[in-house]
């Protein structure tokens, strides 16, 4: 079972490396890692289990955060507007994800972003594309091309950044961290 002790923190060189593409068929180890990553996200969002195992809540986890430098990320994005909705907005393991197109319009979270690999608050807006089209494979190698918008698009961009050695705070304007350009708005202020 993955715990917070398994997640590497900022400053670790793996977090700044471009991860290797996954080839198919995947090994049993990669399949197990994918299952373990999804289990971590489910556990981290369960108040009782998170408390029991000392887990910080997460909606995404990239393999490089576990010091495995491959292009694989797990996502479990709950419905923030309707928390009673048992169906997540986005759930699954994405291998070799790539943004192939995006909107000019930008969006960011009012409260900024956090990361399981960052143990400090980093104030500032993190501008993201409001809509993205992503190509990716599932664990069996099936290829997909899907569009995402809003919160799921933000989470997916954060995780894809991890696969490219980019941290969320790299996007924050250092001089004016709470300033947005004319194409970017806060999520929910559309």
N, C-alpha and C. Protein backbone atom coordinates (compact mmCIF):
# COMPACT_ATOMS: atom_id res chain seq x y z
N UNK A 1 0.84 -1.19 0.00
CA UNK A 1 0.00 0.00 0.00
C UNK A 1 0.88 1.26 0.00
N UNK A 2 0.54 2.19 -0.86
CA UNK A 2 1.28 3.45 -0.94
C UNK A 2 0.85 4.35 0.21
N UNK A 3 1.86 4.93 0.89
CA UNK A 3 1.58 5.92 1.94
C UNK A 3 2.36 7.19 1.59
N UNK A 4 2.21 8.21 2.42
CA UNK A 4 2.93 9.47 2.19
C UNK A 4 4.45 9.25 2.20
N UNK A 5 4.93 8.23 2.91
CA UNK A 5 6.37 7.95 2.96
C UNK A 5 6.91 7.52 1.60
N UNK A 6 6.04 7.01 0.72
CA UNK A 6 6.47 6.55 -0.60
C UNK A 6 6.56 7.69 -1.62
N UNK A 7 5.96 8.83 -1.29
CA UNK A 7 5.91 9.96 -2.23
C UNK A 7 7.14 10.84 -2.03
N UNK A 8 7.90 11.02 -3.13
CA UNK A 8 9.09 11.86 -3.03
C UNK A 8 8.68 13.33 -3.00
N UNK A 9 9.52 14.16 -2.40
CA UNK A 9 9.19 15.58 -2.22
C UNK A 9 10.03 16.47 -3.12
N UNK A 10 9.55 17.73 -3.25
CA UNK A 10 10.24 18.70 -4.10
C UNK A 10 11.72 18.73 -3.73
N UNK A 11 12.54 18.90 -4.74
CA UNK A 11 13.98 18.85 -4.55
C UNK A 11 14.56 17.53 -5.02
N UNK A 12 13.74 16.48 -5.06
CA UNK A 12 14.20 15.17 -5.54
C UNK A 12 14.38 15.26 -7.06
N UNK A 13 15.52 14.80 -7.59
CA UNK A 13 15.78 14.97 -9.03
C UNK A 13 14.77 14.31 -9.96
N UNK A 14 14.14 13.23 -9.56
CA UNK A 14 13.17 12.55 -10.42
C UNK A 14 12.00 13.47 -10.78
N UNK A 15 11.65 14.39 -9.87
CA UNK A 15 10.52 15.30 -10.14
C UNK A 15 10.83 16.32 -11.24
N UNK A 16 12.08 16.45 -11.61
CA UNK A 16 12.46 17.41 -12.65
C UNK A 16 12.88 16.73 -13.95
N UNK A 17 12.72 15.41 -14.03
CA UNK A 17 13.09 14.67 -15.23
C UNK A 17 11.87 14.46 -16.12
N UNK A 18 12.10 14.37 -17.43
CA UNK A 18 11.04 13.99 -18.35
C UNK A 18 10.91 12.47 -18.26
N UNK A 19 9.72 12.01 -17.96
CA UNK A 19 9.49 10.57 -17.76
C UNK A 19 9.52 9.81 -19.09
N UNK A 20 9.88 8.54 -19.01
CA UNK A 20 9.95 7.67 -20.18
C UNK A 20 8.55 7.22 -20.60
N UNK A 21 8.36 7.09 -21.92
CA UNK A 21 7.10 6.57 -22.44
C UNK A 21 6.93 5.13 -21.99
N UNK A 22 5.69 4.73 -21.78
CA UNK A 22 5.37 3.35 -21.42
C UNK A 22 5.16 2.56 -22.71
N UNK A 23 5.73 1.35 -22.79
CA UNK A 23 5.52 0.49 -23.94
C UNK A 23 4.58 -0.64 -23.54
N UNK A 24 3.94 -1.21 -24.53
CA UNK A 24 2.93 -2.24 -24.28
C UNK A 24 3.35 -3.56 -24.91
N UNK A 25 2.95 -4.69 -24.32
CA UNK A 25 2.15 -4.78 -23.10
C UNK A 25 2.96 -4.38 -21.87
N UNK A 26 2.28 -3.86 -20.85
CA UNK A 26 2.97 -3.42 -19.64
C UNK A 26 3.33 -4.62 -18.78
N UNK A 27 4.34 -4.44 -17.96
CA UNK A 27 4.76 -5.50 -17.04
C UNK A 27 3.75 -5.63 -15.90
N UNK A 28 3.83 -6.75 -15.21
CA UNK A 28 2.98 -6.95 -14.02
C UNK A 28 3.27 -5.89 -12.98
N UNK A 29 4.54 -5.46 -12.89
CA UNK A 29 4.92 -4.43 -11.91
C UNK A 29 4.21 -3.11 -12.21
N UNK A 30 4.14 -2.74 -13.48
CA UNK A 30 3.46 -1.48 -13.84
C UNK A 30 1.96 -1.60 -13.58
N UNK A 31 1.40 -2.75 -13.90
CA UNK A 31 -0.03 -2.98 -13.66
C UNK A 31 -0.33 -2.86 -12.15
N UNK A 32 0.55 -3.44 -11.34
CA UNK A 32 0.38 -3.38 -9.88
C UNK A 32 0.53 -1.95 -9.38
N UNK A 33 1.50 -1.22 -9.93
CA UNK A 33 1.70 0.18 -9.55
C UNK A 33 0.45 1.00 -9.86
N UNK A 34 -0.14 0.77 -11.03
CA UNK A 34 -1.37 1.48 -11.41
C UNK A 34 -2.49 1.21 -10.40
N UNK A 35 -2.65 -0.05 -10.02
CA UNK A 35 -3.67 -0.40 -9.01
C UNK A 35 -3.38 0.27 -7.67
N UNK A 36 -2.10 0.24 -7.27
CA UNK A 36 -1.71 0.84 -5.99
C UNK A 36 -1.94 2.34 -5.99
N UNK A 37 -1.69 3.00 -7.13
CA UNK A 37 -1.89 4.45 -7.22
C UNK A 37 -3.38 4.80 -7.08
N UNK A 38 -4.24 4.02 -7.73
CA UNK A 38 -5.69 4.26 -7.62
C UNK A 38 -6.16 4.00 -6.19
N UNK A 39 -5.62 2.96 -5.57
CA UNK A 39 -5.98 2.65 -4.18
C UNK A 39 -5.57 3.79 -3.26
N UNK A 40 -4.37 4.34 -3.48
CA UNK A 40 -3.92 5.48 -2.67
C UNK A 40 -4.92 6.63 -2.78
N UNK A 41 -5.33 6.97 -4.01
CA UNK A 41 -6.26 8.10 -4.19
C UNK A 41 -7.59 7.84 -3.48
N UNK A 42 -8.12 6.62 -3.64
CA UNK A 42 -9.39 6.28 -2.94
C UNK A 42 -9.20 6.40 -1.42
N UNK A 43 -8.11 5.84 -0.91
CA UNK A 43 -7.86 5.89 0.54
C UNK A 43 -7.68 7.32 1.02
N UNK A 44 -6.99 8.14 0.22
CA UNK A 44 -6.71 9.52 0.64
C UNK A 44 -7.98 10.37 0.70
N UNK A 45 -9.01 9.95 -0.05
CA UNK A 45 -10.27 10.69 -0.06
C UNK A 45 -11.29 10.13 0.93
N UNK A 46 -10.92 9.05 1.61
CA UNK A 46 -11.78 8.45 2.64
C UNK A 46 -11.29 8.97 3.99
N UNK A 47 -12.13 9.77 4.67
CA UNK A 47 -11.69 10.43 5.91
C UNK A 47 -11.13 9.46 6.94
N UNK A 48 -11.77 8.31 7.10
CA UNK A 48 -11.34 7.35 8.11
C UNK A 48 -9.98 6.75 7.75
N UNK A 49 -9.84 6.30 6.50
CA UNK A 49 -8.57 5.69 6.08
C UNK A 49 -7.45 6.72 6.00
N UNK A 50 -7.77 7.92 5.55
CA UNK A 50 -6.76 8.98 5.47
C UNK A 50 -6.20 9.29 6.85
N UNK A 51 -7.10 9.35 7.83
CA UNK A 51 -6.67 9.60 9.22
C UNK A 51 -5.84 8.43 9.75
N UNK A 52 -6.32 7.22 9.51
CA UNK A 52 -5.65 6.02 10.01
C UNK A 52 -4.22 5.90 9.48
N UNK A 53 -4.03 6.18 8.18
CA UNK A 53 -2.72 6.00 7.56
C UNK A 53 -1.94 7.30 7.37
N UNK A 54 -2.49 8.42 7.85
CA UNK A 54 -1.79 9.70 7.75
C UNK A 54 -1.62 10.17 6.31
N UNK A 55 -2.68 10.02 5.50
CA UNK A 55 -2.62 10.39 4.08
C UNK A 55 -3.17 11.79 3.86
N UNK A 56 -2.51 12.56 3.01
CA UNK A 56 -3.06 13.84 2.56
C UNK A 56 -3.99 13.54 1.40
N UNK A 57 -5.10 14.25 1.33
CA UNK A 57 -6.06 14.03 0.26
C UNK A 57 -5.46 14.36 -1.09
N UNK A 58 -5.70 13.49 -2.07
CA UNK A 58 -5.20 13.72 -3.41
C UNK A 58 -6.23 13.38 -4.46
N UNK A 59 -6.15 14.07 -5.60
CA UNK A 59 -7.04 13.79 -6.73
C UNK A 59 -6.24 13.25 -7.91
N UNK A 60 -4.93 13.32 -7.82
CA UNK A 60 -4.06 12.79 -8.87
C UNK A 60 -2.72 12.41 -8.30
N UNK A 61 -2.10 11.43 -8.93
CA UNK A 61 -0.78 10.97 -8.50
C UNK A 61 -0.04 10.48 -9.74
N UNK A 62 1.14 11.02 -9.98
CA UNK A 62 1.95 10.63 -11.13
C UNK A 62 3.04 9.67 -10.68
N UNK A 63 3.37 8.70 -11.54
CA UNK A 63 4.41 7.72 -11.20
C UNK A 63 5.72 8.38 -10.79
N UNK A 64 6.16 9.48 -11.43
CA UNK A 64 7.41 10.10 -10.97
C UNK A 64 7.38 10.53 -9.50
N UNK A 65 6.19 10.81 -8.96
CA UNK A 65 6.10 11.18 -7.55
C UNK A 65 6.43 10.00 -6.65
N UNK A 66 6.44 8.80 -7.22
CA UNK A 66 6.81 7.59 -6.48
C UNK A 66 8.21 7.14 -6.88
N UNK A 67 8.95 8.06 -7.52
CA UNK A 67 10.32 7.81 -7.99
C UNK A 67 10.36 6.73 -9.06
N UNK A 68 9.29 6.65 -9.85
CA UNK A 68 9.23 5.75 -11.01
C UNK A 68 9.03 6.66 -12.22
N UNK A 69 10.07 6.86 -13.00
CA UNK A 69 10.05 7.86 -14.05
C UNK A 69 9.46 7.33 -15.36
N UNK A 70 8.14 7.03 -15.31
CA UNK A 70 7.40 6.60 -16.49
C UNK A 70 6.18 7.50 -16.65
N UNK A 71 5.67 7.58 -17.89
CA UNK A 71 4.52 8.44 -18.18
C UNK A 71 3.21 7.74 -17.80
N UNK A 72 2.93 7.74 -16.51
CA UNK A 72 1.70 7.15 -16.00
C UNK A 72 1.18 8.00 -14.85
N UNK A 73 -0.11 8.28 -14.90
CA UNK A 73 -0.72 9.04 -13.83
C UNK A 73 -2.09 8.45 -13.50
N UNK A 74 -2.45 8.50 -12.23
CA UNK A 74 -3.76 8.04 -11.77
C UNK A 74 -4.56 9.26 -11.35
N UNK A 75 -5.86 9.24 -11.68
CA UNK A 75 -6.73 10.37 -11.38
C UNK A 75 -8.02 9.90 -10.74
N UNK A 76 -8.44 10.59 -9.72
CA UNK A 76 -9.73 10.34 -9.08
C UNK A 76 -10.27 11.69 -8.62
N UNK A 77 -11.04 12.32 -9.52
CA UNK A 77 -11.50 13.69 -9.31
C UNK A 77 -12.97 13.68 -8.89
N UNK A 78 -13.25 14.00 -7.62
CA UNK A 78 -14.64 14.01 -7.17
C UNK A 78 -15.41 15.21 -7.72
N UNK A 79 -16.71 15.11 -7.68
CA UNK A 79 -17.59 16.21 -8.11
C UNK A 79 -17.67 17.22 -6.97
N UNK A 80 -16.99 18.35 -7.13
CA UNK A 80 -16.95 19.36 -6.07
C UNK A 80 -18.26 20.12 -5.94
N UNK A 81 -18.98 20.24 -7.07
CA UNK A 81 -20.25 20.97 -7.05
C UNK A 81 -21.33 20.15 -6.34
N UNK A 82 -21.31 18.84 -6.58
CA UNK A 82 -22.28 17.94 -5.96
C UNK A 82 -21.54 16.83 -5.22
N UNK A 83 -21.06 17.12 -3.99
CA UNK A 83 -20.24 16.15 -3.26
C UNK A 83 -20.97 14.83 -2.96
N UNK A 84 -22.30 14.85 -3.02
CA UNK A 84 -23.06 13.62 -2.76
C UNK A 84 -23.03 12.68 -3.97
N UNK A 85 -22.61 13.21 -5.13
CA UNK A 85 -22.53 12.40 -6.34
C UNK A 85 -21.43 11.36 -6.17
N UNK A 86 -21.80 10.09 -6.18
CA UNK A 86 -20.84 9.01 -5.97
C UNK A 86 -19.92 8.82 -7.17
N UNK A 87 -20.35 9.29 -8.34
CA UNK A 87 -19.55 9.15 -9.55
C UNK A 87 -18.50 10.26 -9.64
N UNK A 88 -17.22 9.91 -9.71
CA UNK A 88 -16.21 10.96 -9.87
C UNK A 88 -16.30 11.60 -11.25
N UNK A 89 -15.84 12.85 -11.36
CA UNK A 89 -15.82 13.53 -12.65
C UNK A 89 -14.78 12.92 -13.58
N UNK A 90 -13.73 12.37 -13.00
CA UNK A 90 -12.65 11.79 -13.78
C UNK A 90 -11.99 10.72 -12.92
N UNK A 91 -11.83 9.53 -13.50
CA UNK A 91 -11.24 8.43 -12.74
C UNK A 91 -10.52 7.50 -13.70
N UNK A 92 -9.31 7.11 -13.33
CA UNK A 92 -8.61 6.13 -14.13
C UNK A 92 -7.12 6.36 -14.19
N UNK A 93 -6.45 5.45 -14.89
CA UNK A 93 -5.01 5.52 -15.07
C UNK A 93 -4.74 5.90 -16.52
N UNK A 94 -3.95 6.95 -16.70
CA UNK A 94 -3.61 7.46 -18.03
C UNK A 94 -2.13 7.18 -18.28
N UNK A 95 -1.83 6.50 -19.38
CA UNK A 95 -0.44 6.24 -19.75
C UNK A 95 -0.12 7.05 -21.01
N UNK A 96 1.08 7.61 -21.04
CA UNK A 96 1.56 8.42 -22.16
C UNK A 96 0.58 9.54 -22.55
N UNK A 97 0.00 10.24 -21.57
CA UNK A 97 -0.96 11.30 -21.93
C UNK A 97 -0.25 12.49 -22.58
N UNK A 98 -0.90 13.07 -23.57
CA UNK A 98 -0.35 14.21 -24.28
C UNK A 98 -1.47 15.17 -24.62
N UNK A 99 -1.26 16.45 -24.35
CA UNK A 99 -2.24 17.47 -24.74
C UNK A 99 -1.99 17.77 -26.21
N UNK A 100 -3.01 17.52 -27.04
CA UNK A 100 -2.85 17.73 -28.49
C UNK A 100 -3.50 19.03 -28.95
N UNK A 101 -4.42 19.57 -28.16
CA UNK A 101 -4.97 20.90 -28.45
C UNK A 101 -5.53 21.48 -27.16
N UNK A 102 -5.68 22.81 -27.14
CA UNK A 102 -6.19 23.47 -25.93
C UNK A 102 -6.83 24.79 -26.31
N UNK A 103 -7.65 25.28 -25.39
CA UNK A 103 -8.32 26.56 -25.58
C UNK A 103 -7.35 27.71 -25.34
N UNK A 104 -7.65 28.86 -25.93
CA UNK A 104 -6.92 30.09 -25.63
C UNK A 104 -7.33 30.54 -24.23
N UNK A 105 -8.60 30.33 -23.93
CA UNK A 105 -9.14 30.71 -22.62
C UNK A 105 -8.42 29.94 -21.51
N UNK A 106 -8.08 30.66 -20.46
CA UNK A 106 -7.41 30.05 -19.32
C UNK A 106 -8.31 30.03 -18.10
N UNK A 107 -7.92 29.22 -17.13
CA UNK A 107 -8.68 29.09 -15.89
C UNK A 107 -7.70 28.74 -14.78
N UNK A 108 -8.06 29.09 -13.56
CA UNK A 108 -7.24 28.67 -12.42
C UNK A 108 -8.12 28.54 -11.19
N UNK A 109 -7.61 27.83 -10.21
CA UNK A 109 -8.33 27.64 -8.96
C UNK A 109 -8.12 28.84 -8.06
N UNK A 110 -9.20 29.33 -7.47
CA UNK A 110 -9.16 30.49 -6.58
C UNK A 110 -8.18 30.28 -5.43
N UNK A 111 -8.16 29.06 -4.90
CA UNK A 111 -7.30 28.77 -3.74
C UNK A 111 -5.89 28.34 -4.14
N UNK A 112 -5.59 28.37 -5.45
CA UNK A 112 -4.29 27.91 -5.91
C UNK A 112 -4.27 26.39 -5.98
N UNK A 113 -3.10 25.83 -6.23
CA UNK A 113 -2.96 24.38 -6.32
C UNK A 113 -2.05 23.87 -5.22
N UNK A 114 -2.22 22.61 -4.90
CA UNK A 114 -1.35 21.93 -3.96
C UNK A 114 -0.81 20.69 -4.63
N UNK A 115 0.09 20.00 -3.95
CA UNK A 115 0.72 18.83 -4.54
C UNK A 115 1.18 17.91 -3.41
N UNK A 116 1.00 16.62 -3.60
CA UNK A 116 1.43 15.65 -2.59
C UNK A 116 2.95 15.66 -2.41
N UNK A 117 3.68 16.17 -3.40
CA UNK A 117 5.14 16.24 -3.32
C UNK A 117 5.64 17.58 -2.76
N UNK A 118 4.71 18.46 -2.41
CA UNK A 118 5.09 19.78 -1.89
C UNK A 118 4.47 19.95 -0.50
N UNK A 119 5.32 20.06 0.51
CA UNK A 119 4.85 20.13 1.89
C UNK A 119 4.69 21.55 2.41
N UNK A 120 4.49 22.50 1.51
CA UNK A 120 4.34 23.89 1.94
C UNK A 120 3.25 24.54 1.10
N UNK A 121 2.68 25.60 1.62
CA UNK A 121 1.73 26.37 0.84
C UNK A 121 2.51 27.25 -0.12
N UNK A 122 2.08 27.27 -1.38
CA UNK A 122 2.70 28.14 -2.37
C UNK A 122 1.60 29.06 -2.88
N UNK A 123 1.54 30.31 -2.37
CA UNK A 123 0.46 31.21 -2.77
C UNK A 123 0.59 31.68 -4.21
N UNK A 124 -0.56 31.81 -4.86
CA UNK A 124 -0.57 32.34 -6.22
C UNK A 124 -1.48 31.54 -7.13
N UNK A 125 -1.92 32.20 -8.20
CA UNK A 125 -2.75 31.55 -9.20
C UNK A 125 -1.88 30.74 -10.15
N UNK A 126 -2.38 29.57 -10.51
CA UNK A 126 -1.69 28.68 -11.44
C UNK A 126 -2.53 28.64 -12.72
N UNK A 127 -2.18 29.44 -13.73
CA UNK A 127 -3.00 29.47 -14.95
C UNK A 127 -2.90 28.16 -15.72
N UNK A 128 -4.05 27.67 -16.14
CA UNK A 128 -4.16 26.44 -16.92
C UNK A 128 -5.08 26.71 -18.11
N UNK A 129 -5.08 25.82 -19.09
CA UNK A 129 -6.03 25.92 -20.20
C UNK A 129 -7.40 25.50 -19.68
N UNK A 130 -8.45 26.23 -20.08
CA UNK A 130 -9.81 25.90 -19.63
C UNK A 130 -10.30 24.59 -20.23
N UNK A 131 -9.88 24.32 -21.47
CA UNK A 131 -10.29 23.09 -22.15
C UNK A 131 -9.06 22.48 -22.84
N UNK A 132 -8.95 21.16 -22.75
CA UNK A 132 -7.84 20.47 -23.40
C UNK A 132 -8.35 19.21 -24.10
N UNK A 133 -7.67 18.82 -25.15
CA UNK A 133 -7.89 17.52 -25.77
C UNK A 133 -6.63 16.72 -25.54
N UNK A 134 -6.82 15.50 -25.03
CA UNK A 134 -5.69 14.66 -24.61
C UNK A 134 -5.75 13.31 -25.31
N UNK A 135 -4.60 12.86 -25.79
CA UNK A 135 -4.49 11.47 -26.24
C UNK A 135 -3.77 10.70 -25.14
N UNK A 136 -4.17 9.46 -24.93
CA UNK A 136 -3.55 8.63 -23.90
C UNK A 136 -3.90 7.17 -24.15
N UNK A 137 -3.24 6.30 -23.40
CA UNK A 137 -3.53 4.87 -23.42
C UNK A 137 -4.03 4.44 -22.06
N UNK A 138 -4.84 3.38 -22.05
CA UNK A 138 -5.19 2.78 -20.77
C UNK A 138 -4.14 1.69 -20.48
N UNK A 139 -4.30 1.00 -19.38
CA UNK A 139 -3.30 0.03 -18.93
C UNK A 139 -3.14 -1.13 -19.91
N UNK A 140 -4.18 -1.38 -20.73
CA UNK A 140 -4.11 -2.46 -21.71
C UNK A 140 -3.58 -1.99 -23.06
N UNK A 141 -3.25 -0.70 -23.17
CA UNK A 141 -2.68 -0.18 -24.40
C UNK A 141 -3.70 0.42 -25.36
N UNK A 142 -5.00 0.36 -25.00
CA UNK A 142 -6.02 0.97 -25.86
C UNK A 142 -5.80 2.47 -25.92
N UNK A 143 -5.95 3.05 -27.11
CA UNK A 143 -5.71 4.48 -27.32
C UNK A 143 -7.01 5.26 -27.25
N UNK A 144 -6.95 6.46 -26.66
CA UNK A 144 -8.12 7.33 -26.52
C UNK A 144 -7.73 8.76 -26.88
N UNK A 145 -8.74 9.51 -27.28
CA UNK A 145 -8.59 10.95 -27.50
C UNK A 145 -9.85 11.57 -26.93
N UNK A 146 -9.71 12.36 -25.85
CA UNK A 146 -10.87 12.92 -25.15
C UNK A 146 -10.65 14.39 -24.82
N UNK A 147 -11.78 15.09 -24.68
CA UNK A 147 -11.76 16.50 -24.27
C UNK A 147 -12.11 16.60 -22.78
N UNK A 148 -11.46 17.52 -22.11
CA UNK A 148 -11.71 17.77 -20.69
C UNK A 148 -11.82 19.27 -20.49
N UNK A 149 -12.62 19.66 -19.52
CA UNK A 149 -12.75 21.09 -19.21
C UNK A 149 -12.90 21.29 -17.71
N UNK A 150 -12.72 22.53 -17.28
CA UNK A 150 -12.90 22.88 -15.87
C UNK A 150 -11.93 22.16 -14.95
N UNK A 151 -12.43 21.74 -13.79
CA UNK A 151 -11.58 21.13 -12.76
C UNK A 151 -10.85 19.88 -13.26
N UNK A 152 -11.53 18.94 -13.95
CA UNK A 152 -10.78 17.77 -14.45
C UNK A 152 -9.63 18.18 -15.38
N UNK A 153 -9.82 19.20 -16.21
CA UNK A 153 -8.75 19.66 -17.10
C UNK A 153 -7.57 20.22 -16.30
N UNK A 154 -7.87 20.94 -15.23
CA UNK A 154 -6.82 21.49 -14.37
C UNK A 154 -6.00 20.36 -13.74
N UNK A 155 -6.69 19.36 -13.18
CA UNK A 155 -6.01 18.24 -12.52
C UNK A 155 -5.15 17.47 -13.53
N UNK A 156 -5.70 17.22 -14.69
CA UNK A 156 -4.97 16.47 -15.71
C UNK A 156 -3.71 17.23 -16.15
N UNK A 157 -3.82 18.55 -16.32
CA UNK A 157 -2.64 19.34 -16.70
C UNK A 157 -1.58 19.30 -15.60
N UNK A 158 -2.00 19.35 -14.34
CA UNK A 158 -1.07 19.27 -13.22
C UNK A 158 -0.29 17.94 -13.28
N UNK A 159 -1.03 16.85 -13.53
CA UNK A 159 -0.39 15.53 -13.56
C UNK A 159 0.51 15.36 -14.79
N UNK A 160 0.07 15.84 -15.95
CA UNK A 160 0.91 15.76 -17.15
C UNK A 160 2.19 16.56 -16.95
N UNK A 161 2.08 17.70 -16.26
CA UNK A 161 3.29 18.46 -15.92
C UNK A 161 4.31 17.60 -15.18
N UNK A 162 3.83 16.78 -14.22
CA UNK A 162 4.75 15.91 -13.47
C UNK A 162 5.52 14.99 -14.40
N UNK A 163 4.89 14.56 -15.49
CA UNK A 163 5.55 13.65 -16.43
C UNK A 163 6.60 14.36 -17.27
N UNK A 164 6.56 15.69 -17.23
CA UNK A 164 7.51 16.50 -17.99
C UNK A 164 8.49 17.28 -17.10
N UNK A 165 8.54 16.93 -15.82
CA UNK A 165 9.48 17.57 -14.90
C UNK A 165 9.09 18.98 -14.49
N UNK A 166 7.79 19.30 -14.59
CA UNK A 166 7.30 20.64 -14.26
C UNK A 166 6.49 20.59 -12.97
N UNK A 167 6.75 21.52 -12.07
CA UNK A 167 5.98 21.62 -10.82
C UNK A 167 4.94 22.73 -10.98
N UNK A 168 3.82 22.63 -10.26
CA UNK A 168 2.73 23.60 -10.42
C UNK A 168 3.18 25.03 -10.19
N UNK A 169 4.10 25.23 -9.25
CA UNK A 169 4.51 26.60 -8.92
C UNK A 169 5.38 27.23 -10.00
N UNK A 170 5.84 26.42 -10.97
CA UNK A 170 6.58 26.98 -12.11
C UNK A 170 5.68 27.91 -12.93
N UNK A 171 4.37 27.73 -12.84
CA UNK A 171 3.40 28.53 -13.61
C UNK A 171 3.00 29.83 -12.90
N UNK A 172 3.34 29.97 -11.63
CA UNK A 172 2.93 31.16 -10.86
C UNK A 172 3.83 32.34 -11.22
N UNK A 173 3.23 33.48 -11.49
CA UNK A 173 3.98 34.70 -11.78
C UNK A 173 4.64 35.14 -10.46
N UNK A 174 5.96 35.13 -10.42
CA UNK A 174 6.68 35.44 -9.18
C UNK A 174 6.46 36.87 -8.71
N UNK A 175 6.38 37.82 -9.66
CA UNK A 175 6.24 39.23 -9.27
C UNK A 175 4.82 39.57 -8.85
N UNK A 176 3.85 39.02 -9.55
CA UNK A 176 2.44 39.30 -9.22
C UNK A 176 1.67 37.98 -9.20
N UNK A 177 1.81 37.21 -8.10
CA UNK A 177 1.25 35.86 -8.05
C UNK A 177 -0.29 35.80 -8.12
N UNK A 178 -0.96 36.90 -7.84
CA UNK A 178 -2.43 36.88 -7.88
C UNK A 178 -2.99 37.76 -8.99
N UNK A 179 -2.26 37.86 -10.09
CA UNK A 179 -2.70 38.62 -11.25
C UNK A 179 -3.00 37.64 -12.38
N UNK A 180 -4.12 37.89 -13.09
CA UNK A 180 -4.50 37.06 -14.23
C UNK A 180 -4.49 37.91 -15.49
N UNK A 181 -4.16 37.28 -16.63
CA UNK A 181 -4.24 38.03 -17.89
C UNK A 181 -5.69 38.07 -18.36
N UNK A 182 -5.93 38.77 -19.48
CA UNK A 182 -7.30 38.99 -19.94
C UNK A 182 -7.97 37.72 -20.45
N UNK A 183 -7.20 36.65 -20.68
CA UNK A 183 -7.78 35.39 -21.19
C UNK A 183 -8.06 34.39 -20.08
N UNK A 184 -7.68 34.70 -18.85
CA UNK A 184 -7.76 33.74 -17.76
C UNK A 184 -8.71 34.21 -16.67
N UNK A 185 -9.53 33.29 -16.18
CA UNK A 185 -10.47 33.62 -15.09
C UNK A 185 -10.38 32.53 -14.01
N UNK A 186 -10.96 32.84 -12.87
CA UNK A 186 -11.01 31.89 -11.77
C UNK A 186 -12.11 30.87 -12.05
N UNK A 187 -11.87 29.60 -11.76
CA UNK A 187 -12.88 28.58 -11.95
C UNK A 187 -14.12 28.95 -11.14
N UNK A 188 -15.27 28.94 -11.79
CA UNK A 188 -16.52 29.32 -11.13
C UNK A 188 -16.91 30.76 -11.40
N UNK A 189 -15.99 31.57 -11.94
CA UNK A 189 -16.29 32.97 -12.24
C UNK A 189 -16.57 33.20 -13.73
N UNK A 190 -16.86 32.11 -14.47
CA UNK A 190 -17.07 32.25 -15.91
C UNK A 190 -18.27 33.14 -16.19
